Amino acid sequence: MLRKTLVLCVGLLLCTAPAVCQEPAKAEIFGGYQYFHASSGLSGGDSFNLNGCNAALSGYFDRNLGITADFAGVYGTPTALGVGVHSHFYSFLFGPVLRVPNASKLTPFVHVLFGGGRISLSALGTSGSETDFTWAAGGGVDANLTRNFSVRFAQANFMQIRTSGDSQNAFRYSAGIVIKF
């Protein structure tokens, strides 16, 4: 009986050794493309799309829980009431992230981010900008190619932006590369 228990314990130890050797990274840097979709905020106005970039730095306290700093900028010239409006939106968000490393090549994660958003608009010779509270909630999936390199093929977020005392809801999608340390 003792011999069987010893063999079982050694077998379990050998089977779990590769999992210990593949401890998830303590930090990640993400950079890539971002698609942003929101409503114009005008009564009867259409929604619009902006394109740009997204970058994030995440540090992990343990295997699953960490904190993320997320920075993004999107640009475009949507039409509102028949006029092209040059639009720039920058967000700087921070918050907790929860990832689920596993034996597969895919690592899902979720996050809730809080911070600010700066919108700049110009049309017909006038311009204005405003910085207000912004938050986002969502997650995504990284496809692990090597220990230190992944492709983030999907990150989707619901985003809410405060502008002029009102809330505006938006959707953003990001994809790009992740470098792990």
Protein backbone atom coordinates (compact mmCIF):
# COMPACT_ATOMS: atom_id res chain seq x y z
CA MET A 1 0.00 0.00 0.00
CA LEU A 2 2.81 2.44 0.86
CA ARG A 3 4.57 1.64 -2.41
CA LYS A 4 1.39 2.36 -4.44
CA THR A 5 0.92 5.67 -2.61
CA LEU A 6 4.55 6.63 -3.23
CA VAL A 7 4.30 5.74 -6.94
CA LEU A 8 1.05 7.74 -7.21
CA CYS A 9 2.61 10.80 -5.50
CA VAL A 10 5.71 10.68 -7.72
CA GLY A 11 3.51 10.30 -10.82
CA LEU A 12 1.39 13.31 -9.84
CA LEU A 13 4.51 15.35 -9.15
CA LEU A 14 5.94 14.52 -12.58
CA CYS A 15 2.65 15.37 -14.28
CA THR A 16 2.38 18.77 -12.57
CA ALA A 17 6.02 19.78 -13.09
CA PRO A 18 5.39 21.16 -16.62
CA ALA A 19 2.58 23.36 -15.28
CA VAL A 20 4.95 24.90 -12.71
CA CYS A 21 7.55 25.53 -15.43
CA GLN A 22 4.96 27.40 -17.49
CA GLU A 23 4.10 30.03 -14.90
CA PRO A 24 2.26 32.92 -16.63
CA ALA A 25 4.09 36.17 -17.28
CA LYS A 26 4.16 38.84 -14.57
CA ALA A 27 3.79 41.72 -17.06
CA GLU A 28 2.37 42.23 -20.55
CA ILE A 29 2.53 45.02 -23.13
CA PHE A 30 -0.23 45.19 -25.74
CA GLY A 31 -0.31 47.32 -28.86
CA GLY A 32 -2.63 47.29 -31.83
CA TYR A 33 -5.56 48.56 -33.86
CA GLN A 34 -8.81 49.88 -32.38
CA TYR A 35 -12.28 50.27 -33.89
CA PHE A 36 -14.67 52.59 -32.03
CA HIS A 37 -18.45 52.85 -32.58
CA ALA A 38 -20.70 55.42 -30.87
CA SER A 39 -23.81 57.47 -31.42
CA SER A 40 -23.54 61.13 -32.38
CA GLY A 41 -25.41 62.20 -29.25
CA LEU A 42 -27.63 64.44 -31.36
CA SER A 43 -31.36 63.92 -31.40
CA GLY A 44 -32.02 61.92 -34.56
CA GLY A 45 -28.27 61.82 -35.30
CA ASP A 46 -26.58 58.78 -36.75
CA SER A 47 -23.97 56.66 -35.11
CA PHE A 48 -20.38 56.93 -36.29
CA ASN A 49 -17.17 54.90 -36.45
CA LEU A 50 -13.62 55.96 -35.65
CA ASN A 51 -10.35 54.06 -36.10
CA GLY A 52 -7.06 54.31 -34.27
CA CYS A 53 -4.72 52.53 -31.91
CA ASN A 54 -4.79 50.97 -28.45
CA ALA A 55 -1.90 50.26 -26.06
CA ALA A 56 -1.95 48.72 -22.60
CA LEU A 57 0.45 47.66 -19.87
CA SER A 58 -0.65 44.98 -17.41
CA GLY A 59 1.15 43.82 -14.27
CA TYR A 60 0.03 40.70 -12.38
CA PHE A 61 0.12 40.18 -8.61
CA ASP A 62 -0.43 36.44 -8.95
CA ARG A 63 -1.38 33.89 -11.62
CA ASN A 64 -4.77 35.49 -12.35
CA LEU A 65 -5.19 38.98 -10.87
CA GLY A 66 -3.49 42.15 -12.06
CA ILE A 67 -3.89 45.80 -12.92
CA THR A 68 -4.01 47.39 -16.37
CA ALA A 69 -3.19 50.85 -17.71
CA ASP A 70 -4.94 51.31 -21.07
CA PHE A 71 -4.35 54.18 -23.52
CA ALA A 72 -6.16 54.66 -26.82
CA GLY A 73 -6.71 57.20 -29.55
CA VAL A 74 -9.22 57.13 -32.39
CA TYR A 75 -9.76 59.56 -35.25
CA GLY A 76 -12.16 60.25 -38.08
CA THR A 77 -14.50 62.70 -39.77
CA PRO A 78 -18.08 61.53 -39.25
CA THR A 79 -20.95 63.54 -40.68
CA ALA A 80 -23.45 65.21 -38.36
CA LEU A 81 -26.36 67.13 -39.85
CA GLY A 82 -24.63 67.07 -43.24
CA VAL A 83 -21.35 68.53 -41.94
CA GLY A 84 -18.06 66.65 -41.60
CA VAL A 85 -16.82 66.85 -38.01
CA HIS A 86 -13.11 66.20 -37.47
CA SER A 87 -13.09 64.03 -34.35
CA HIS A 88 -10.35 62.82 -32.02
CA PHE A 89 -11.02 60.78 -28.90
CA TYR A 90 -8.30 59.76 -26.44
CA SER A 91 -8.87 57.55 -23.42
CA PHE A 92 -6.63 56.83 -20.44
CA LEU A 93 -8.07 54.08 -18.26
CA PHE A 94 -6.85 52.01 -15.30
CA GLY A 95 -8.28 49.07 -13.39
CA PRO A 96 -8.23 45.41 -12.40
CA VAL A 97 -7.79 42.58 -14.88
CA LEU A 98 -8.53 38.89 -14.35
CA ARG A 99 -6.97 36.36 -16.74
CA VAL A 100 -7.50 32.62 -16.90
CA PRO A 101 -4.25 30.91 -17.98
CA ASN A 102 -4.80 27.28 -18.90
CA ALA A 103 -3.30 24.34 -20.80
CA SER A 104 -4.69 25.53 -24.15
CA LYS A 105 -3.08 28.13 -26.41
CA LEU A 106 -5.88 30.61 -25.57
CA THR A 107 -5.86 32.90 -22.54
CA PRO A 108 -9.16 34.70 -21.88
CA PHE A 109 -9.31 37.81 -19.69
CA VAL A 110 -11.82 40.35 -18.37
CA HIS A 111 -11.28 43.85 -17.04
CA VAL A 112 -13.07 46.91 -15.69
CA LEU A 113 -11.28 50.19 -16.37
CA PHE A 114 -11.87 53.72 -15.05
CA GLY A 115 -10.31 57.03 -16.00
CA GLY A 116 -10.80 59.81 -18.46
CA GLY A 117 -11.59 60.51 -22.05
CA ARG A 118 -10.74 63.60 -24.06
CA ILE A 119 -12.82 64.42 -27.10
CA SER A 120 -11.82 67.11 -29.61
CA LEU A 121 -14.17 68.22 -32.38
CA SER A 122 -13.85 70.79 -35.15
CA ALA A 123 -16.18 71.79 -37.96
CA LEU A 124 -16.95 74.91 -39.98
CA GLY A 125 -14.02 76.83 -38.49
CA THR A 126 -14.93 76.20 -34.85
CA SER A 127 -13.43 73.70 -32.48
CA GLY A 128 -13.76 72.51 -28.94
CA SER A 129 -12.54 69.83 -26.59
CA GLU A 130 -13.57 68.35 -23.28
CA THR A 131 -12.07 65.86 -20.83
CA ASP A 132 -14.48 63.86 -18.66
CA PHE A 133 -14.89 60.62 -16.73
CA THR A 134 -14.90 57.45 -18.85
CA TRP A 135 -15.16 53.79 -17.95
CA ALA A 136 -15.02 50.52 -19.89
CA ALA A 137 -15.86 46.89 -19.14
CA GLY A 138 -15.12 43.87 -21.27
CA GLY A 139 -12.48 41.34 -22.07
CA GLY A 140 -10.81 39.35 -24.76
CA VAL A 141 -8.74 36.37 -25.79
CA ASP A 142 -5.00 36.08 -26.44
CA ALA A 143 -3.64 33.30 -28.67
CA ASN A 144 -0.29 32.27 -27.17
CA LEU A 145 2.31 31.67 -29.90
CA THR A 146 5.36 31.40 -27.62
CA ARG A 147 6.03 31.94 -23.93
CA ASN A 148 6.73 35.64 -24.52
CA PHE A 149 4.54 36.46 -27.54
CA SER A 150 0.79 36.35 -28.15
CA VAL A 151 -1.72 37.69 -30.62
CA ARG A 152 -4.76 39.42 -29.15
CA PHE A 153 -7.31 38.64 -31.82
CA ALA A 154 -10.27 39.92 -29.84
CA GLN A 155 -10.77 42.52 -27.15
CA ALA A 156 -14.27 43.99 -26.90
CA ASN A 157 -15.45 46.64 -24.47
CA PHE A 158 -18.61 48.48 -23.59
CA MET A 159 -17.52 52.05 -22.93
CA GLN A 160 -19.39 54.92 -21.32
CA ILE A 161 -18.19 58.49 -21.79
CA ARG A 162 -19.44 61.54 -19.89
CA THR A 163 -19.68 64.59 -22.16
CA SER A 164 -21.29 67.87 -21.18
CA GLY A 165 -23.04 66.21 -18.23
CA ASP A 166 -24.58 63.43 -20.36
CA SER A 167 -23.54 59.80 -20.76
CA GLN A 168 -22.73 58.42 -24.18
CA ASN A 169 -22.40 54.68 -24.74
CA ALA A 170 -19.86 53.25 -27.17
CA PHE A 171 -18.36 49.96 -28.29
CA ARG A 172 -14.69 49.39 -28.97
CA TYR A 173 -12.83 46.45 -30.48
CA SER A 174 -9.06 46.04 -30.39
CA ALA A 175 -6.63 43.51 -31.85
CA GLY A 176 -2.85 43.37 -31.94
CA ILE A 177 0.21 41.82 -30.37
CA VAL A 178 1.12 41.08 -26.75
CA ILE A 179 4.69 40.86 -25.47
CA LYS A 180 5.06 39.10 -22.11
CA PHE A 181 7.75 39.43 -19.45
